[in-house]
N, C-alpha and C. Protein backbone atom coordinates (compact mmCIF):
# COMPACT_ATOMS: atom_id res chain seq x y z
N MET A 1 0.87 -1.21 0.01
CA MET A 1 0.00 -0.01 -0.01
C MET A 1 0.90 1.29 0.04
N ASN A 2 0.51 2.18 -0.90
CA ASN A 2 1.44 3.39 -0.91
C ASN A 2 0.97 4.34 0.23
N PRO A 3 2.03 5.21 0.57
CA PRO A 3 1.74 6.10 1.68
C PRO A 3 0.64 7.05 1.49
N ILE A 4 0.34 7.52 0.26
CA ILE A 4 -0.72 8.42 0.02
C ILE A 4 -2.15 7.83 0.33
N SER A 5 -2.32 6.60 -0.07
CA SER A 5 -3.60 5.95 0.19
C SER A 5 -3.82 5.71 1.68
N GLN A 6 -2.78 5.80 2.50
CA GLN A 6 -2.91 5.58 3.92
C GLN A 6 -3.37 6.85 4.62
N ILE A 7 -3.07 7.98 4.03
CA ILE A 7 -3.35 9.28 4.65
C ILE A 7 -4.55 10.01 4.07
N LEU A 8 -5.02 9.49 2.84
CA LEU A 8 -6.15 10.27 2.15
C LEU A 8 -7.34 9.29 2.19
N SER A 9 -8.40 9.89 2.66
CA SER A 9 -9.68 9.16 2.62
C SER A 9 -10.59 9.71 1.64
N ALA A 10 -11.62 8.97 1.21
CA ALA A 10 -12.60 9.58 0.35
C ALA A 10 -13.29 10.83 0.90
N ASP A 11 -13.50 10.91 2.15
CA ASP A 11 -14.03 12.06 2.83
C ASP A 11 -13.21 13.35 2.70
N ASP A 12 -11.90 13.15 2.34
CA ASP A 12 -10.98 14.32 2.31
C ASP A 12 -10.78 14.67 0.82
N ILE A 13 -11.71 14.34 -0.02
CA ILE A 13 -11.71 14.77 -1.53
C ILE A 13 -12.74 15.66 -1.80
N LEU A 14 -12.32 16.83 -2.39
CA LEU A 14 -13.22 17.80 -2.86
C LEU A 14 -13.20 17.96 -4.47
N LEU A 15 -14.29 17.81 -5.06
CA LEU A 15 -14.26 17.88 -6.49
C LEU A 15 -15.08 19.13 -7.06
N ASP A 16 -14.64 19.61 -8.14
CA ASP A 16 -15.44 20.80 -8.70
C ASP A 16 -15.54 21.97 -7.78
N VAL A 17 -14.39 22.28 -7.06
CA VAL A 17 -14.37 23.48 -6.13
C VAL A 17 -14.42 24.75 -6.97
N ASP A 18 -15.17 25.63 -6.64
CA ASP A 18 -15.28 27.04 -7.19
C ASP A 18 -14.21 27.80 -6.46
N ALA A 19 -13.11 28.00 -7.07
CA ALA A 19 -12.01 28.78 -6.52
C ALA A 19 -11.18 29.41 -7.62
N LEU A 20 -10.86 30.66 -7.52
CA LEU A 20 -10.09 31.30 -8.53
C LEU A 20 -8.72 31.63 -8.13
N SER A 21 -8.22 31.29 -6.95
CA SER A 21 -6.96 31.56 -6.51
C SER A 21 -6.51 30.47 -5.48
N LYS A 22 -5.14 30.38 -5.33
CA LYS A 22 -4.54 29.52 -4.31
C LYS A 22 -5.24 29.77 -2.85
N THR A 23 -5.32 30.92 -2.51
CA THR A 23 -5.79 31.29 -1.19
C THR A 23 -7.24 30.74 -0.98
N ARG A 24 -7.99 30.97 -2.07
CA ARG A 24 -9.41 30.40 -1.89
C ARG A 24 -9.49 28.87 -1.80
N VAL A 25 -8.59 28.17 -2.48
CA VAL A 25 -8.47 26.76 -2.41
C VAL A 25 -8.06 26.34 -0.97
N PHE A 26 -7.02 27.10 -0.43
CA PHE A 26 -6.58 26.90 0.93
C PHE A 26 -7.67 27.13 1.93
N GLU A 27 -8.57 28.05 1.77
CA GLU A 27 -9.68 28.30 2.62
C GLU A 27 -10.59 27.16 2.62
N GLU A 28 -10.90 26.61 1.39
CA GLU A 28 -11.84 25.49 1.29
C GLU A 28 -11.20 24.16 2.01
N VAL A 29 -9.91 23.95 1.77
CA VAL A 29 -9.31 22.83 2.47
C VAL A 29 -9.07 22.98 3.90
N GLY A 30 -8.91 24.24 4.30
CA GLY A 30 -8.88 24.50 5.76
C GLY A 30 -10.17 24.25 6.44
N ARG A 31 -11.28 24.58 5.82
CA ARG A 31 -12.56 24.34 6.21
C ARG A 31 -12.80 22.77 6.41
N LEU A 32 -12.35 22.06 5.33
CA LEU A 32 -12.39 20.59 5.38
C LEU A 32 -11.67 20.00 6.55
N PHE A 33 -10.38 20.52 6.69
CA PHE A 33 -9.52 19.98 7.70
C PHE A 33 -10.05 20.32 9.06
N GLU A 34 -10.65 21.49 9.20
CA GLU A 34 -11.26 21.86 10.48
C GLU A 34 -12.43 20.97 10.84
N LYS A 35 -13.33 20.65 9.90
CA LYS A 35 -14.44 19.87 10.07
C LYS A 35 -14.04 18.40 10.35
N ARG A 36 -13.18 17.88 9.53
CA ARG A 36 -12.74 16.43 9.64
C ARG A 36 -11.79 16.11 10.66
N HIS A 37 -10.84 16.98 10.86
CA HIS A 37 -9.63 16.71 11.77
C HIS A 37 -9.42 17.54 12.92
N GLY A 38 -10.26 18.57 13.09
CA GLY A 38 -10.24 19.50 14.25
C GLY A 38 -9.12 20.58 14.16
N PHE A 39 -8.57 20.78 12.96
CA PHE A 39 -7.58 21.89 12.79
C PHE A 39 -8.34 23.23 12.81
N VAL A 40 -7.62 24.30 13.12
CA VAL A 40 -8.19 25.75 12.98
C VAL A 40 -7.95 26.13 11.51
N GLN A 41 -9.09 26.41 10.86
CA GLN A 41 -8.98 26.78 9.41
C GLN A 41 -8.02 27.94 9.16
N ALA A 42 -8.08 28.89 9.99
CA ALA A 42 -7.11 30.04 9.63
C ALA A 42 -5.72 29.63 9.75
N GLN A 43 -5.35 28.73 10.68
CA GLN A 43 -4.03 28.32 10.78
C GLN A 43 -3.51 27.50 9.61
N VAL A 44 -4.47 26.59 9.10
CA VAL A 44 -4.13 25.84 7.96
C VAL A 44 -3.83 26.83 6.77
N VAL A 45 -4.72 27.75 6.55
CA VAL A 45 -4.62 28.68 5.42
C VAL A 45 -3.24 29.42 5.50
N GLU A 46 -3.03 29.92 6.75
CA GLU A 46 -1.75 30.67 7.07
C GLU A 46 -0.51 29.93 6.76
N ASP A 47 -0.48 28.66 7.22
CA ASP A 47 0.72 27.79 7.05
C ASP A 47 0.85 27.45 5.57
N LEU A 48 -0.21 27.14 4.83
CA LEU A 48 -0.07 26.80 3.43
C LEU A 48 0.39 28.01 2.53
N CYS A 49 -0.21 29.21 2.90
CA CYS A 49 0.16 30.40 2.23
C CYS A 49 1.66 30.75 2.54
N ALA A 50 2.08 30.58 3.79
CA ALA A 50 3.51 30.79 4.18
C ALA A 50 4.41 29.87 3.39
N ARG A 51 4.10 28.62 3.12
CA ARG A 51 4.91 27.70 2.57
C ARG A 51 5.00 28.12 1.09
N GLU A 52 3.77 28.44 0.53
CA GLU A 52 3.77 28.93 -0.96
C GLU A 52 4.59 30.09 -1.26
N LYS A 53 4.75 30.99 -0.21
CA LYS A 53 5.68 32.22 -0.46
C LYS A 53 7.07 31.83 -0.56
N LEU A 54 7.54 30.63 -0.12
CA LEU A 54 8.84 30.14 -0.23
C LEU A 54 9.13 29.75 -1.71
N GLY A 55 8.18 29.49 -2.35
CA GLY A 55 8.15 28.90 -3.75
C GLY A 55 6.96 28.08 -4.09
N SER A 56 6.61 28.18 -5.31
CA SER A 56 5.49 27.53 -5.75
C SER A 56 5.56 26.02 -5.61
N THR A 57 4.45 25.40 -5.18
CA THR A 57 4.38 23.88 -5.07
C THR A 57 3.79 23.28 -6.25
N GLY A 58 3.59 24.11 -7.31
CA GLY A 58 3.07 23.53 -8.61
C GLY A 58 4.18 22.67 -9.24
N LEU A 59 3.77 21.53 -9.77
CA LEU A 59 4.64 20.51 -10.39
C LEU A 59 4.70 20.72 -11.88
N GLY A 60 3.56 21.14 -12.41
CA GLY A 60 3.44 21.22 -13.88
C GLY A 60 2.36 20.25 -14.28
N HIS A 61 1.96 20.21 -15.48
CA HIS A 61 0.90 19.33 -15.99
C HIS A 61 -0.48 19.54 -15.27
N GLY A 62 -0.66 20.79 -14.68
CA GLY A 62 -1.90 21.13 -14.08
C GLY A 62 -2.07 20.61 -12.62
N VAL A 63 -0.82 20.27 -11.98
CA VAL A 63 -0.81 19.58 -10.78
C VAL A 63 -0.04 20.49 -9.73
N ALA A 64 -0.50 20.42 -8.51
CA ALA A 64 0.31 21.06 -7.42
C ALA A 64 0.21 20.26 -6.10
N ILE A 65 1.22 20.27 -5.30
CA ILE A 65 1.22 19.61 -4.02
C ILE A 65 1.57 20.62 -2.88
N PRO A 66 0.48 21.47 -2.58
CA PRO A 66 0.67 22.50 -1.45
C PRO A 66 0.88 21.59 -0.17
N HIS A 67 1.84 21.98 0.66
CA HIS A 67 2.05 21.28 1.86
C HIS A 67 2.61 22.26 2.99
N ALA A 68 2.41 21.84 4.27
CA ALA A 68 2.84 22.60 5.29
C ALA A 68 3.09 21.73 6.57
N ARG A 69 4.04 22.28 7.37
CA ARG A 69 4.29 21.61 8.66
C ARG A 69 3.34 22.25 9.64
N ILE A 70 2.67 21.40 10.57
CA ILE A 70 1.75 21.84 11.39
C ILE A 70 2.10 21.47 12.87
N LYS A 71 2.25 22.52 13.69
CA LYS A 71 2.64 22.36 15.11
C LYS A 71 1.61 21.50 15.73
N GLY A 72 1.99 20.48 16.50
CA GLY A 72 1.08 19.69 17.32
C GLY A 72 0.46 18.44 16.50
N LEU A 73 0.68 18.41 15.21
CA LEU A 73 0.21 17.35 14.34
C LEU A 73 0.98 16.04 14.73
N ARG A 74 0.24 14.90 14.82
CA ARG A 74 1.00 13.76 15.18
C ARG A 74 1.23 12.83 13.90
N ARG A 75 0.44 12.95 12.94
CA ARG A 75 0.57 12.15 11.71
C ARG A 75 0.17 12.96 10.52
N ALA A 76 0.67 12.65 9.40
CA ALA A 76 0.41 13.34 8.19
C ALA A 76 -1.08 13.09 7.72
N VAL A 77 -1.67 14.17 7.24
CA VAL A 77 -3.07 14.06 6.57
C VAL A 77 -2.99 14.69 5.22
N ALA A 78 -3.92 14.24 4.43
CA ALA A 78 -4.04 14.79 3.08
C ALA A 78 -5.51 15.04 2.63
N ALA A 79 -5.50 15.91 1.59
CA ALA A 79 -6.78 16.19 0.97
C ALA A 79 -6.43 16.34 -0.50
N TYR A 80 -7.43 15.87 -1.38
CA TYR A 80 -7.27 16.14 -2.79
C TYR A 80 -8.41 17.08 -3.23
N VAL A 81 -7.92 18.15 -4.05
CA VAL A 81 -8.94 19.08 -4.43
C VAL A 81 -8.77 19.28 -6.00
N ARG A 82 -9.88 19.23 -6.64
CA ARG A 82 -9.96 19.50 -8.11
C ARG A 82 -10.84 20.73 -8.24
N THR A 83 -10.31 21.74 -8.83
CA THR A 83 -11.05 22.94 -9.03
C THR A 83 -11.98 22.92 -10.32
N ARG A 84 -13.05 23.61 -10.34
CA ARG A 84 -13.86 23.62 -11.49
C ARG A 84 -13.07 24.17 -12.67
N LEU A 85 -12.41 25.26 -12.44
CA LEU A 85 -11.46 25.88 -13.55
C LEU A 85 -10.11 25.90 -13.02
N PRO A 86 -9.10 25.79 -13.97
CA PRO A 86 -7.70 25.78 -13.49
C PRO A 86 -7.38 27.27 -13.00
N ILE A 87 -6.49 27.28 -12.01
CA ILE A 87 -6.08 28.53 -11.40
C ILE A 87 -4.55 28.83 -11.61
N PRO A 88 -4.18 30.06 -11.57
CA PRO A 88 -2.69 30.31 -11.66
C PRO A 88 -2.02 29.82 -10.45
N PHE A 89 -0.84 29.22 -10.65
CA PHE A 89 -0.10 28.62 -9.58
C PHE A 89 1.36 28.80 -9.66
N ASP A 90 1.86 29.51 -10.65
CA ASP A 90 3.27 29.72 -10.88
C ASP A 90 4.03 28.34 -10.99
N ALA A 91 3.39 27.45 -11.69
CA ALA A 91 4.10 26.10 -11.91
C ALA A 91 5.19 26.29 -12.96
N PRO A 92 6.16 25.38 -12.85
CA PRO A 92 7.39 25.45 -13.75
C PRO A 92 7.10 25.48 -15.19
N ASP A 93 5.93 24.89 -15.68
CA ASP A 93 5.57 24.86 -17.10
C ASP A 93 4.72 26.02 -17.42
N GLY A 94 4.35 26.93 -16.36
CA GLY A 94 3.55 28.11 -16.71
C GLY A 94 1.99 27.84 -16.76
N LYS A 95 1.65 26.55 -16.73
CA LYS A 95 0.25 26.21 -16.88
C LYS A 95 -0.54 26.32 -15.45
N PRO A 96 -1.78 26.62 -15.64
CA PRO A 96 -2.56 26.74 -14.43
C PRO A 96 -2.89 25.33 -13.96
N VAL A 97 -3.29 25.25 -12.63
CA VAL A 97 -3.48 24.05 -11.92
C VAL A 97 -4.96 23.83 -11.56
N SER A 98 -5.33 22.55 -11.73
CA SER A 98 -6.76 22.23 -11.26
C SER A 98 -6.67 21.05 -10.35
N ASP A 99 -5.59 20.36 -10.22
CA ASP A 99 -5.52 19.14 -9.37
C ASP A 99 -4.43 19.39 -8.28
N MET A 100 -4.88 19.24 -7.03
CA MET A 100 -4.02 19.49 -5.95
C MET A 100 -4.08 18.43 -4.85
N LEU A 101 -2.95 17.89 -4.49
CA LEU A 101 -2.87 17.13 -3.24
C LEU A 101 -2.35 17.95 -2.16
N ILE A 102 -3.17 18.26 -1.16
CA ILE A 102 -2.66 19.12 -0.12
C ILE A 102 -2.30 18.18 1.09
N LEU A 103 -1.03 18.43 1.57
CA LEU A 103 -0.51 17.66 2.65
C LEU A 103 -0.19 18.55 3.92
N LEU A 104 -0.56 18.04 5.03
CA LEU A 104 -0.16 18.64 6.38
C LEU A 104 0.58 17.58 7.01
N VAL A 105 1.82 17.91 7.42
CA VAL A 105 2.71 17.00 8.11
C VAL A 105 3.13 17.53 9.49
N PRO A 106 3.61 16.64 10.40
CA PRO A 106 4.00 17.15 11.70
C PRO A 106 5.18 18.06 11.53
N GLU A 107 5.29 19.01 12.48
CA GLU A 107 6.27 20.10 12.43
C GLU A 107 7.72 19.39 12.34
N GLN A 108 7.93 18.40 13.05
CA GLN A 108 9.23 17.69 13.02
C GLN A 108 9.44 16.64 12.03
N ALA A 109 8.45 16.43 11.16
CA ALA A 109 8.54 15.31 10.12
C ALA A 109 9.68 15.59 9.22
N THR A 110 10.44 14.55 8.96
CA THR A 110 11.63 14.57 8.02
C THR A 110 11.44 13.50 6.98
N ASP A 111 11.84 12.27 7.29
CA ASP A 111 11.81 11.17 6.33
C ASP A 111 10.38 10.89 5.79
N GLU A 112 9.40 10.84 6.64
CA GLU A 112 8.10 10.58 6.28
C GLU A 112 7.56 11.62 5.24
N HIS A 113 7.83 12.84 5.60
CA HIS A 113 7.37 13.97 4.74
C HIS A 113 8.09 13.89 3.35
N LEU A 114 9.28 13.64 3.40
CA LEU A 114 10.03 13.51 2.05
C LEU A 114 9.57 12.31 1.32
N GLN A 115 9.32 11.14 2.02
CA GLN A 115 8.79 9.94 1.36
C GLN A 115 7.44 10.27 0.61
N ILE A 116 6.54 10.97 1.36
CA ILE A 116 5.23 11.31 0.82
C ILE A 116 5.32 12.16 -0.31
N LEU A 117 6.19 13.19 -0.29
CA LEU A 117 6.43 14.11 -1.41
C LEU A 117 6.97 13.36 -2.62
N ALA A 118 7.92 12.43 -2.41
CA ALA A 118 8.50 11.66 -3.40
C ALA A 118 7.41 10.82 -4.11
N TRP A 119 6.54 10.15 -3.34
CA TRP A 119 5.43 9.40 -3.91
C TRP A 119 4.56 10.27 -4.78
N CYS A 120 4.24 11.43 -4.25
CA CYS A 120 3.26 12.35 -4.93
C CYS A 120 3.88 12.73 -6.29
N ALA A 121 5.23 13.07 -6.33
CA ALA A 121 5.90 13.44 -7.57
C ALA A 121 5.84 12.32 -8.52
N GLN A 122 6.00 11.04 -8.03
CA GLN A 122 5.97 9.98 -8.95
C GLN A 122 4.54 9.71 -9.56
N MET A 123 3.60 9.76 -8.62
CA MET A 123 2.12 9.57 -9.02
C MET A 123 1.85 10.63 -10.09
N PHE A 124 2.01 11.84 -9.82
CA PHE A 124 1.58 12.96 -10.67
C PHE A 124 2.48 13.07 -11.91
N GLY A 125 3.70 12.44 -11.82
CA GLY A 125 4.50 12.46 -13.10
C GLY A 125 4.03 11.35 -14.12
N ASP A 126 3.14 10.50 -13.67
CA ASP A 126 2.61 9.40 -14.55
C ASP A 126 1.36 9.99 -15.27
N ARG A 127 1.58 10.20 -16.51
CA ARG A 127 0.50 10.79 -17.41
C ARG A 127 -0.81 10.00 -17.35
N ARG A 128 -0.64 8.67 -17.37
CA ARG A 128 -1.78 7.85 -17.28
C ARG A 128 -2.59 8.03 -16.04
N PHE A 129 -1.90 8.09 -14.94
CA PHE A 129 -2.50 8.38 -13.52
C PHE A 129 -3.19 9.72 -13.60
N ARG A 130 -2.61 10.71 -14.14
CA ARG A 130 -3.24 12.07 -14.16
C ARG A 130 -4.52 12.10 -15.06
N GLU A 131 -4.53 11.37 -16.13
CA GLU A 131 -5.59 11.32 -17.04
C GLU A 131 -6.73 10.51 -16.40
N GLN A 132 -6.43 9.44 -15.75
CA GLN A 132 -7.43 8.59 -15.15
C GLN A 132 -8.07 9.37 -13.91
N LEU A 133 -7.27 10.11 -13.22
CA LEU A 133 -7.70 10.82 -12.06
C LEU A 133 -8.71 11.92 -12.51
N ARG A 134 -8.35 12.52 -13.58
CA ARG A 134 -9.25 13.61 -14.07
C ARG A 134 -10.58 13.17 -14.63
N MET A 135 -10.62 11.85 -15.03
CA MET A 135 -11.86 11.25 -15.54
C MET A 135 -12.81 10.90 -14.37
N CYS A 136 -12.38 10.90 -13.15
CA CYS A 136 -13.14 10.44 -12.06
C CYS A 136 -14.18 11.47 -11.65
N GLY A 137 -15.47 10.99 -11.54
CA GLY A 137 -16.47 11.99 -11.25
C GLY A 137 -16.99 11.93 -9.73
N ALA A 138 -16.49 10.98 -8.97
CA ALA A 138 -16.83 10.73 -7.67
C ALA A 138 -15.63 10.64 -6.67
N ALA A 139 -15.75 11.07 -5.47
CA ALA A 139 -14.68 11.12 -4.50
C ALA A 139 -14.15 9.59 -4.32
N SER A 140 -15.15 8.74 -4.31
CA SER A 140 -14.71 7.24 -4.12
C SER A 140 -13.89 6.78 -5.30
N ASP A 141 -14.15 7.23 -6.52
CA ASP A 141 -13.32 6.80 -7.69
C ASP A 141 -11.95 7.45 -7.57
N VAL A 142 -11.85 8.68 -7.20
CA VAL A 142 -10.57 9.42 -7.02
C VAL A 142 -9.76 8.63 -5.92
N HIS A 143 -10.34 8.29 -4.80
CA HIS A 143 -9.70 7.61 -3.83
C HIS A 143 -9.16 6.23 -4.35
N GLN A 144 -9.98 5.55 -5.10
CA GLN A 144 -9.52 4.34 -5.67
C GLN A 144 -8.37 4.41 -6.58
N GLN A 145 -8.26 5.48 -7.32
CA GLN A 145 -7.09 5.70 -8.22
C GLN A 145 -5.84 5.91 -7.39
N PHE A 146 -5.92 6.63 -6.29
CA PHE A 146 -4.73 6.76 -5.40
C PHE A 146 -4.42 5.39 -4.79
N ALA A 147 -5.37 4.67 -4.33
CA ALA A 147 -5.12 3.30 -3.71
C ALA A 147 -4.59 2.36 -4.64
N ASP A 148 -4.88 2.40 -5.97
CA ASP A 148 -4.48 1.44 -6.94
C ASP A 148 -3.12 1.80 -7.52
N TRP A 149 -2.63 2.93 -7.27
CA TRP A 149 -1.27 3.32 -7.88
C TRP A 149 -0.11 2.69 -7.06
N PRO A 150 0.90 2.20 -7.62
CA PRO A 150 1.08 2.08 -9.02
C PRO A 150 0.45 0.96 -9.66
N GLN A 151 -0.09 1.16 -10.83
CA GLN A 151 -0.92 -0.01 -11.47
C GLN A 151 0.05 -0.86 -12.24
N SER A 152 -0.26 -2.13 -12.19
CA SER A 152 0.54 -3.01 -12.87
C SER A 152 0.35 -3.11 -14.45
């Protein structure tokens, strides 16, 4: 089982989100994390925005992996967000982003954090995975795509 499928549940997947900016996406995911995991929405937004100021988490191909270290967090959590329309994200290829895997990791996370980011980069680097993910119309289908990767 890959590490992403261990930290991402179908309940942490938002599809067709109406957001026109990174901050708006972070507000939506902050609301989700507050409801599902008890985080303070404003803190999630602030930490994700602070990380983004260090450099874009856009990978290219319409994908980004916004992430932040969260004080007091015991284990990594994730959310997947697909926006209704692609948004500017300062990705290396200059393309807007519509697919995001948002990661919150413990403040002291090192190896686990890097392993999760490496898996994300591999997953989203797979053109077939990206295409199949974008065809999913339900959160359960998106979750299954993450759980099934890598496909044989």
